[in-house]
Protein backbone atom coordinates (compact mmCIF):
# COMPACT_ATOMS: atom_id res chain seq x y z
CA MET A 1 -0.02 0.00 0.01
CA PRO A 2 1.41 3.49 -0.84
CA TRP A 3 2.00 5.96 1.98
CA THR A 4 -0.46 8.82 2.40
CA SER A 5 -0.79 12.07 4.37
CA SER A 6 -2.49 10.12 7.13
CA ASP A 7 -0.44 6.96 6.96
CA PHE A 8 3.33 7.51 6.70
CA PRO A 9 6.60 6.25 8.31
CA ASN A 10 7.29 7.39 11.91
CA SER A 11 10.57 9.05 10.68
CA PHE A 12 8.45 11.55 8.78
CA LYS A 13 6.71 12.87 11.90
CA ASN A 14 9.27 15.57 12.70
CA LEU A 15 9.09 16.94 9.13
CA THR A 16 7.15 20.12 8.29
CA PRO A 17 3.86 19.51 6.47
CA LYS A 18 5.49 20.55 3.19
CA GLN A 19 8.54 18.33 3.71
CA ARG A 20 6.27 15.51 4.68
CA ARG A 21 4.30 15.78 1.38
CA GLN A 22 7.54 15.78 -0.54
CA ALA A 23 8.91 12.82 1.46
CA ILE A 24 5.73 10.77 0.93
CA HIS A 25 5.80 11.41 -2.85
CA ILE A 26 9.52 10.51 -3.15
CA ALA A 27 9.24 7.45 -0.92
CA ASN A 28 6.27 6.02 -2.90
CA ASP A 29 8.13 6.54 -6.14
CA ALA A 30 11.39 4.97 -4.87
CA LEU A 31 9.52 1.99 -3.37
CA ALA A 32 7.71 1.30 -6.61
CA ARG A 33 10.97 1.41 -8.60
CA CYS A 34 12.80 -0.78 -6.20
CA GLU A 35 10.09 -3.51 -6.18
CA LYS A 36 9.78 -3.30 -9.95
CA LYS A 37 13.44 -4.24 -10.21
CA GLY A 38 12.75 -7.31 -8.10
CA GLY A 39 13.94 -6.00 -4.70
CA LYS A 40 12.62 -7.46 -1.47
CA HIS A 41 9.82 -5.51 0.09
CA ASP A 42 11.43 -4.81 3.48
CA LYS A 43 14.69 -3.73 1.89
CA CYS A 44 12.88 -1.53 -0.57
CA VAL A 45 10.90 0.16 2.17
CA SER A 46 14.05 1.03 4.10
CA SER A 47 15.78 2.33 0.95
CA ALA A 48 12.71 4.39 -0.08
CA ILE A 49 12.44 6.09 3.35
CA ALA A 50 16.14 6.88 3.41
CA GLN A 51 16.00 8.42 -0.08
CA ALA A 52 13.01 10.57 0.82
CA LEU A 53 14.65 11.91 3.99
CA GLY A 54 17.88 12.49 2.08
CA VAL A 55 16.10 14.72 -0.45
CA VAL A 56 13.89 16.77 1.81
CA LYS A 57 16.69 17.37 4.36
CA GLY A 58 19.34 18.08 1.74
CA GLY A 59 21.42 14.96 2.57
CA GLU A 60 22.68 12.27 0.24
CA MET A 61 20.16 9.71 -1.01
CA VAL A 62 20.88 6.03 -0.48
CA ASP A 63 20.20 4.70 -3.96
CA GLU A 64 21.62 1.68 -5.61
CA THR A 65 21.10 3.26 -9.05
CA LYS A 66 23.61 6.11 -8.58
CA ILE A 67 25.59 6.86 -11.77
CA LEU A 68 28.93 8.61 -11.98
CA ALA A 69 29.07 11.89 -13.90
CA GLU A 70 31.46 11.79 -16.84
CA PRO A 71 32.13 14.15 -19.79
CA THR A 72 29.69 12.38 -22.11
CA ARG A 73 26.84 12.76 -19.63
CA LEU A 74 27.70 16.38 -18.99
CA ARG A 75 27.73 17.13 -22.72
CA ARG A 76 24.32 15.36 -23.00
CA ILE A 77 22.84 17.63 -20.43
CA LYS A 78 24.16 20.63 -22.37
CA GLU A 79 22.81 19.29 -25.69
CA ASN A 80 19.29 18.79 -24.26
CA PHE A 81 19.43 22.28 -22.77
CA ASP A 82 20.53 23.74 -26.12
CA SER A 83 17.70 21.87 -27.85
CA ASN A 84 15.20 23.23 -25.24
CA VAL A 85 13.60 19.79 -24.89
CA ARG A 86 11.49 21.02 -21.92
CA GLY A 87 10.22 24.05 -23.85
CA ILE A 88 10.71 26.48 -20.97
CA ARG A 89 13.53 28.56 -19.43
CA ILE A 90 15.51 26.85 -16.70
CA ALA A 91 15.50 28.72 -13.42
CA PHE A 92 17.77 29.16 -10.39
CA ASP A 93 15.18 28.24 -7.73
CA GLN A 94 15.35 28.98 -4.02
CA VAL A 95 15.95 25.91 -1.85
CA HIS A 96 14.39 23.63 -4.47
CA ASP A 97 11.09 25.51 -4.21
CA PRO A 98 9.87 26.94 -7.55
CA ASP A 99 6.91 28.57 -5.77
CA ARG A 100 9.26 31.12 -4.20
CA GLY A 101 10.03 32.55 -7.58
CA ALA A 102 13.24 32.50 -9.62
CA GLY A 103 16.45 33.79 -8.12
CA GLY A 104 17.74 33.87 -11.69
CA TRP A 105 17.71 32.12 -15.06
CA VAL A 106 20.17 29.77 -16.82
CA GLU A 107 21.22 31.59 -19.97
CA GLU A 108 23.80 29.13 -21.30
CA LEU A 109 25.66 25.90 -20.44
CA LYS A 110 29.19 24.82 -21.22
CA VAL A 111 31.48 21.87 -20.35
CA GLU A 112 34.96 22.98 -19.20
CA ALA A 113 37.60 22.13 -16.56
CA SER A 114 36.42 22.05 -12.94
CA SER A 115 37.59 24.85 -10.63
CA THR A 116 37.67 22.57 -7.54
CA ARG A 117 38.75 19.21 -9.09
CA PRO A 118 42.02 19.52 -11.09
CA GLY A 119 42.02 17.37 -14.19
CA LYS A 120 38.25 16.93 -14.11
CA MET A 121 35.55 18.39 -16.34
CA ALA A 122 32.52 20.27 -15.07
CA LEU A 123 29.17 21.65 -16.20
CA TRP A 124 29.05 25.45 -16.01
CA ALA A 125 25.99 27.69 -16.14
CA LYS A 126 25.84 31.30 -17.24
CA PRO A 127 23.37 33.09 -14.91
CA GLU A 128 21.01 36.02 -15.37
CA TRP A 129 20.22 36.93 -11.72
CA THR A 130 16.97 38.57 -10.73
CA ASP A 131 17.05 41.40 -8.19
CA VAL A 132 15.88 38.93 -5.58
CA GLY A 133 18.55 36.42 -6.44
CA ARG A 134 21.32 38.95 -6.54
CA GLU A 135 20.31 40.26 -3.08
CA LEU A 136 20.18 36.71 -1.64
CA ILE A 137 23.74 35.97 -2.92
CA GLU A 138 25.29 39.29 -2.04
CA ASN A 139 23.85 39.14 1.48
CA LYS A 140 25.12 35.56 1.72
CA ILE A 141 21.70 34.20 2.53
CA PHE A 142 22.50 31.43 0.02
CA GLN A 143 26.01 30.42 -1.00
CA TYR A 144 25.77 27.20 -2.98
CA ILE A 145 24.18 25.63 -6.05
CA SER A 146 22.41 22.23 -6.23
CA ALA A 147 21.53 20.99 -9.69
CA GLU A 148 18.24 19.15 -10.38
CA PHE A 149 18.23 16.81 -13.38
CA GLY A 150 16.91 13.44 -14.57
CA PRO A 151 14.97 11.82 -17.39
CA TYR A 152 12.19 13.73 -19.15
CA THR A 153 9.28 12.60 -21.31
CA ASP A 154 7.60 15.10 -23.66
CA ALA A 155 3.94 15.09 -22.82
CA GLU A 156 2.87 15.67 -26.47
CA THR A 157 5.30 13.55 -28.49
CA LYS A 158 5.96 10.97 -25.77
CA LYS A 159 9.62 11.12 -26.67
CA GLU A 160 11.98 10.31 -23.77
CA TYR A 161 15.16 12.16 -23.00
CA GLN A 162 17.94 11.23 -20.57
CA ASP A 163 20.01 13.70 -18.54
CA VAL A 164 17.80 16.78 -18.67
CA LEU A 165 18.41 19.81 -16.42
CA TYR A 166 15.28 20.78 -14.45
CA ALA A 167 16.73 23.58 -12.30
CA ALA A 168 19.82 24.84 -10.49
CA SER A 169 18.71 25.79 -7.04
CA LEU A 170 20.23 28.27 -4.52
CA THR A 171 20.77 26.36 -1.26
CA ASN A 172 22.96 26.07 1.81
CA ARG A 173 22.88 22.27 1.85
CA PRO A 174 23.81 21.22 -1.65
CA PHE A 175 23.65 17.60 -2.76
CA LEU A 176 27.26 17.86 -4.07
CA LYS A 177 29.95 18.82 -1.57
CA ASP A 178 33.15 20.89 -1.92
CA MET A 179 31.52 23.22 -4.41
CA ALA A 180 32.81 26.82 -4.68
CA ALA A 181 30.62 29.50 -3.11
CA VAL A 182 28.38 31.40 -5.56
CA SER A 183 29.35 34.96 -6.48
CA ALA A 184 26.75 37.35 -7.96
CA GLY A 185 29.46 38.92 -10.11
CA ALA A 186 30.81 35.65 -11.60
CA PRO A 187 29.91 35.24 -15.28
CA TRP A 188 29.77 31.43 -14.99
CA ILE A 189 28.75 29.16 -12.08
CA GLU A 190 29.99 25.57 -11.68
CA ILE A 191 26.94 23.35 -11.03
CA LEU A 192 28.10 19.75 -11.61
CA ARG A 193 31.52 18.00 -11.79
CA GLU A 194 32.99 14.89 -13.34
CA GLY A 195 33.40 12.18 -10.74
CA ASP A 196 30.37 13.21 -8.66
CA TYR A 197 27.73 10.47 -8.58
CA LEU A 198 24.20 11.17 -9.76
CA HIS A 199 20.76 9.80 -9.03
CA PRO A 200 18.80 9.81 -12.30
CA GLU A 201 15.46 10.28 -10.65
CA TYR A 202 16.61 12.97 -8.23
CA GLY A 203 15.65 16.01 -10.20
CA LYS A 204 12.41 14.48 -11.40
CA MET A 205 11.33 13.54 -7.90
CA THR A 206 12.17 16.82 -6.30
CA ILE A 207 10.45 18.85 -9.03
CA GLU A 208 7.24 16.82 -8.83
CA ALA A 209 7.24 16.73 -5.00
CA GLN A 210 7.61 20.47 -4.66
CA GLU A 211 4.53 21.28 -6.78
CA PRO A 212 1.45 21.12 -4.40
CA GLU A 213 -1.59 19.42 -5.76
CA GLN A 214 -3.54 22.70 -6.01
CA MET A 215 -0.82 24.23 -8.19
CA ASN A 216 -0.90 21.13 -10.38
CA VAL A 217 -4.63 21.72 -10.96
CA LEU A 218 -4.00 25.34 -11.88
CA ARG A 219 -1.06 24.44 -14.15
CA LYS A 220 -3.09 21.82 -15.97
CA ALA A 221 -5.98 24.28 -16.30
CA LEU A 222 -3.75 26.91 -17.85
CA GLU A 223 -2.16 24.35 -20.21
CA ALA A 224 -5.61 23.21 -21.26
CA LEU A 225 -6.72 26.78 -21.82
CA THR A 226 -3.67 27.50 -24.01
CA ALA A 227 -4.26 24.25 -25.89
CA PHE A 228 -7.91 25.27 -26.46
CA PHE A 229 -6.90 28.32 -28.45
CA ALA A 230 -4.36 26.33 -30.41
CA LYS A 231 -7.01 23.70 -31.34
CA THR A 232 -10.66 24.44 -31.91
CA ASN A 233 -11.84 21.52 -29.85
CA GLY A 234 -9.95 22.75 -26.80
CA GLY A 235 -8.94 21.09 -23.58
CA GLU A 236 -11.08 18.97 -21.25
CA VAL A 237 -10.67 20.96 -18.02
CA HIS A 238 -13.91 22.19 -16.51
CA ALA A 239 -14.78 24.93 -14.05
CA ALA A 240 -15.10 22.47 -11.20
CA ASP A 241 -11.45 21.63 -11.52
CA LEU A 242 -10.50 25.19 -10.53
CA SER A 243 -12.22 25.29 -7.13
CA GLU A 244 -10.15 26.30 -4.06
CA VAL A 245 -7.02 27.08 -6.07
CA ASN A 246 -4.66 29.53 -4.46
CA MET A 247 -2.10 31.48 -6.55
CA ASP A 248 0.95 33.58 -5.84
CA ALA A 249 1.26 37.10 -7.35
CA GLU A 250 3.28 35.96 -10.32
CA LYS A 251 0.83 33.26 -11.46
CA GLU A 252 -2.12 35.65 -10.80
CA LYS A 253 -0.48 38.20 -13.08
CA LYS A 254 0.11 35.64 -15.85
CA LEU A 255 -3.49 34.36 -15.61
CA LYS A 256 -4.80 37.93 -15.79
CA GLU A 257 -2.77 38.61 -18.94
CA LEU A 258 -3.96 35.36 -20.53
CA LEU A 259 -7.62 36.20 -19.85
CA VAL A 260 -7.29 39.76 -21.16
CA GLU A 261 -5.51 38.44 -24.21
CA HIS A 262 -8.55 36.35 -25.08
CA GLY A 263 -11.16 38.99 -24.61
CA VAL A 264 -12.15 38.52 -20.96
CA GLU A 265 -12.83 41.75 -19.10
CA VAL A 266 -10.66 41.86 -15.95
CA THR A 267 -10.66 44.58 -13.31
CA GLU A 268 -8.89 44.99 -10.02
CA ASP A 269 -11.89 43.51 -8.16
CA THR A 270 -12.27 40.52 -10.53
CA ASP A 271 -11.79 37.13 -8.91
CA LEU A 272 -9.45 35.54 -11.55
CA ILE A 273 -10.33 31.97 -10.62
CA ASP A 274 -14.06 32.70 -10.97
CA ALA A 275 -13.33 34.52 -14.26
CA LEU A 276 -11.31 31.58 -15.53
CA ALA A 277 -13.98 29.16 -14.43
CA GLU A 278 -16.69 31.16 -16.16
CA PHE A 279 -14.59 31.45 -19.28
CA LEU A 280 -13.86 27.74 -19.45
CA THR A 281 -17.55 26.97 -18.82
CA ALA A 282 -18.49 29.15 -21.75
CA LYS A 283 -15.92 27.41 -23.89
CA ASP A 284 -17.20 24.00 -22.74
CA GLU A 285 -20.71 25.08 -23.86
CA THR A 286 -19.31 26.31 -27.18
CA VAL A 287 -17.55 22.99 -27.72
CA THR A 288 -20.73 21.12 -26.84
CA ASP A 289 -22.72 23.19 -29.37
CA LEU A 290 -20.08 22.56 -32.03
CA GLU A 291 -20.12 18.82 -31.29
CA GLU A 292 -23.95 18.80 -31.61
CA GLN A 293 -23.71 20.71 -34.92
CA LEU A 294 -21.05 18.30 -36.13
CA GLU A 295 -23.20 15.32 -35.17
CA ALA A 296 -26.19 16.86 -36.99
CA ALA A 297 -24.02 17.56 -40.04
CA LYS A 298 -22.80 13.93 -40.00
CA GLN A 299 -26.44 12.73 -39.86
CA THR A 300 -27.33 14.97 -42.76
CA ASP A 301 -24.33 13.70 -44.71
CA LYS A 302 -25.49 10.09 -44.06
CA GLU A 303 -28.98 10.88 -45.33
CA THR A 304 -27.59 12.71 -48.36
CA GLU A 305 -25.23 9.84 -48.99
CA GLY A 306 -28.11 7.38 -48.78
CA ALA A 307 -30.17 9.39 -51.29
CA ALA A 308 -27.15 9.74 -53.55
CA LYS A 309 -26.63 5.92 -53.47
CA GLU A 310 -30.28 5.35 -54.30
CA THR A 311 -30.10 7.84 -57.18
CA LYS A 312 -26.91 6.23 -58.42
CA THR A 313 -28.64 2.81 -58.34
CA GLN A 314 -31.54 4.16 -60.32
CA LEU A 315 -29.24 5.77 -62.88
CA THR A 316 -27.25 2.55 -63.19
CA GLU A 317 -30.42 0.54 -63.81
CA SER A 318 -31.62 3.14 -66.32
CA ALA A 319 -28.28 3.04 -68.09
CA GLN A 320 -28.50 -0.77 -68.23
CA LYS A 321 -31.99 -0.55 -69.66
CA ASN A 322 -30.89 1.99 -72.23
CA THR A 323 -28.02 -0.21 -73.28
CA GLN A 324 -30.39 -3.14 -73.59
CA LEU A 325 -32.85 -1.06 -75.67
CA ALA A 326 -29.99 0.22 -77.86
CA GLU A 327 -28.92 -3.36 -78.54
CA GLU A 328 -32.45 -4.39 -79.32
CA ASN A 329 -32.89 -1.42 -81.65
CA LYS A 330 -29.66 -2.33 -83.41
CA GLN A 331 -30.77 -5.90 -83.93
CA LEU A 332 -34.18 -4.65 -85.14
CA SER A 333 -32.56 -2.26 -87.58
CA GLU A 334 -30.33 -5.00 -88.89
CA ARG A 335 -33.43 -7.26 -89.27
CA ILE A 336 -35.33 -4.50 -91.14
CA THR A 337 -32.32 -3.92 -93.43
CA THR A 338 -32.17 -7.62 -94.15
CA ILE A 339 -35.93 -7.75 -94.85
CA GLU A 340 -35.77 -4.65 -97.06
CA LYS A 341 -32.88 -6.14 -99.04
CA GLU A 342 -34.75 -9.40 -99.44
CA LEU A 343 -37.84 -7.50 -100.66
CA SER A 344 -35.66 -5.42 -103.02
CA ASP A 345 -33.96 -8.51 -104.39
CA GLN A 346 -37.37 -10.15 -104.82
CA LYS A 347 -38.75 -7.08 -106.50
CA LYS A 348 -35.67 -6.97 -108.83
CA GLU A 349 -36.08 -10.60 -109.83
CA VAL A 350 -39.73 -10.04 -110.56
CA PHE A 351 -38.94 -7.04 -112.72
CA PHE A 352 -36.21 -8.73 -114.64
CA GLY A 353 -38.44 -11.75 -115.11
CA GLU A 354 -41.14 -9.58 -116.65
CA MET A 355 -38.63 -7.79 -118.84
CA PHE A 356 -37.11 -11.07 -120.07
CA ARG A 357 -40.58 -12.43 -120.87
CA SER A 358 -41.22 -9.17 -122.72
CA ARG A 359 -37.98 -9.84 -124.68
CA LYS A 360 -36.42 -6.50 -123.57
CA TYR A 361 -32.89 -7.89 -123.05
CA VAL A 362 -30.85 -10.84 -124.05
CA PRO A 363 -29.36 -13.27 -121.43
CA ALA A 364 -25.85 -11.95 -122.09
CA GLU A 365 -26.96 -8.55 -120.74
CA SER A 366 -28.46 -9.89 -117.54
CA ASP A 367 -25.53 -9.53 -115.09
CA ASP A 368 -24.52 -6.09 -116.21
CA LEU A 369 -28.08 -4.80 -116.15
CA LYS A 370 -28.69 -6.21 -112.64
CA THR A 371 -25.42 -4.61 -111.36
CA LEU A 372 -26.49 -1.28 -112.78
CA TYR A 373 -29.97 -1.78 -111.30
CA ASP A 374 -28.46 -2.09 -107.82
CA LYS A 375 -26.87 1.32 -108.33
CA ASP A 376 -29.69 3.14 -110.13
CA SER A 377 -32.86 1.05 -110.34
CA GLU A 378 -35.01 3.89 -111.66
CA THR A 379 -32.83 4.48 -114.72
CA VAL A 380 -32.65 0.82 -115.60
CA ARG A 381 -36.43 0.45 -115.17
CA LYS A 382 -37.15 3.34 -117.57
CA TYR A 383 -34.65 2.06 -120.05
CA LEU A 384 -35.91 -1.48 -120.23
CA GLU A 385 -39.63 -0.55 -120.09
CA SER A 386 -39.16 1.83 -123.04
CA ARG A 387 -36.93 -0.55 -124.98
CA LYS A 388 -38.22 -2.42 -127.94
CA GLU A 389 -38.05 -6.16 -128.15
CA VAL A 390 -34.45 -7.34 -128.76
CA ILE A 391 -35.16 -11.05 -129.01
CA ASP A 392 -37.07 -12.42 -132.01
CA PHE A 393 -38.54 -15.86 -131.30
CA LYS A 394 -39.82 -16.28 -134.92
CA GLU A 395 -38.30 -19.00 -137.08
CA LYS A 396 -35.54 -17.42 -139.23
CA GLY A 397 -32.97 -20.07 -140.25
CA SER A 398 -31.40 -22.68 -138.15
CA SER A 399 -30.94 -22.41 -134.37
CA SER A 400 -27.15 -22.25 -134.87
CA ASP A 401 -27.58 -19.21 -137.07
CA LYS A 402 -29.71 -17.53 -134.38
CA LYS A 403 -27.10 -18.23 -131.76
CA ALA A 404 -24.36 -16.88 -133.98
CA ASP A 405 -26.41 -13.69 -134.63
CA GLU A 406 -26.94 -13.16 -130.89
CA GLU A 407 -23.27 -13.61 -130.11
CA THR A 408 -22.30 -11.23 -132.87
CA LYS A 409 -24.76 -8.63 -131.68
CA THR A 410 -23.54 -8.94 -128.09
CA LYS A 411 -19.93 -8.63 -129.21
CA GLN A 412 -20.74 -5.53 -131.27
CA LEU A 413 -22.68 -4.03 -128.32
CA THR A 414 -19.73 -4.66 -125.99
CA GLU A 415 -17.18 -3.13 -128.36
CA LYS A 416 -19.39 -0.07 -128.75
CA ALA A 417 -19.79 0.30 -125.03
CA GLU A 418 -16.06 0.12 -124.47
CA LYS A 419 -15.53 2.83 -127.06
CA ILE A 420 -18.09 5.16 -125.46
CA ALA A 421 -16.60 4.55 -121.96
CA LYS A 422 -13.13 5.42 -123.21
CA GLU A 423 -14.18 8.51 -125.19
CA GLU A 424 -16.47 10.04 -122.56
CA ARG A 425 -14.60 8.63 -119.49
CA ILE A 426 -17.65 7.01 -117.92
CA GLY A 427 -18.23 3.63 -116.46
CA LEU A 428 -18.47 0.55 -118.65
CA ILE A 429 -21.94 -0.39 -117.38
CA GLU A 430 -23.31 3.10 -118.05
CA ALA A 431 -21.70 3.01 -121.49
CA TYR A 432 -23.17 -0.43 -122.14
CA VAL A 433 -26.68 0.84 -121.31
CA ARG A 434 -26.24 3.78 -123.62
CA ALA A 435 -24.96 1.63 -126.43
CA ALA A 436 -27.84 -0.78 -126.02
CA LYS A 437 -30.34 2.13 -125.99
CA GLU A 438 -28.81 3.56 -129.18
CA ASP A 439 -29.07 0.17 -130.84
CA SER A 440 -32.61 -0.11 -129.75
CA GLU A 441 -33.50 3.27 -131.19
CA SER A 442 -31.62 2.38 -134.41
CA ASP A 443 -33.64 -0.87 -134.73
CA THR A 444 -36.87 1.08 -134.22
CA THR A 445 -35.92 3.54 -137.01
CA LYS A 446 -35.06 0.74 -139.39
CA THR A 447 -38.36 -0.98 -138.65
CA GLU A 448 -40.36 2.15 -139.30
CA VAL A 449 -38.63 2.76 -142.65
């Protein structure tokens, strides 16, 4: 069972309430880590209590996971600082208590030779002291620096970093001993040395332990408020989360500026927590309205999509029917064309049968006349109907003489047609018809004479 404010080790009884809260937090964390590594419960309990007392009283922690500082680790701390992995300025706190305000700010880090350990490297910080910090140092209220560092996980990207500087605190009981006293006029301050042993969780535990629960609520509320303006759907903090939150002057000023920046009217008499609660409540209602509108829009989209699908189905069915009808029309047209050709061929055969029985052409003319008929039936009809008989079935000599006469006449007609076609540059069939017509007219004239 984890320790609580009403159930804690006897060795925590003489601590101040604030120290006791810190000790409980650190002890619970250390106990969980120890047991996770497979340590025996009783041994882990003793180690966790010792670590918690060591931190809150400024003594050395008893931790089996201590790691020696070496140049690579020091450079990694500097690289994470240069990359600003925490996204905030690193402060010189007062006695590991960020709520007291910054005694200064870390402007830059470098890795150079130690001033107190010859032949060793050290991590140096370039300070920008505040008026409060400068006064504390010059009046020798604080003379030493204690660095706070450890692993850090980015809340948004979930990326983990090792050896991250959390703060460099002004104190009179530093974790590292034999450090040079701090001077307000020194351009660089030595905060960590090669050869000193580190506790990776030290900075993380002290930072988390020194933030009271109420301040955590306020910090999360402010983070959520800032996130709300960065994203339209906002954070999930509600007005109830802000009840009974106490603020120092600096946080009150920042909250006032944030509210004014986003259009909230703030006067000297305004209760900032109530104003923030009212503001967040209004934003919660706005988000709820937007969610309802979004849900309604989604429902409309579903209905529209359903209607569109139905229309698409109808159009598809209609297109299929049109395709089917087009195919049927094509087949019908082809059938009609076939029937029309059959009727035309039948009509042609009837006509040529009548003309042959009327002796209007000889058998040798049949193919050419029919070919010409297919191209210009009307002309051939008029020609043959007006033509005189060209076949004489009366007895005039032997049958062989008749056949010879027909062949001679056909040959003469063909030669004449070829001559006409060549001279007038027309088709042979057309020339043949003209030659036959001329012969027919010539025969008529001879008969009349």
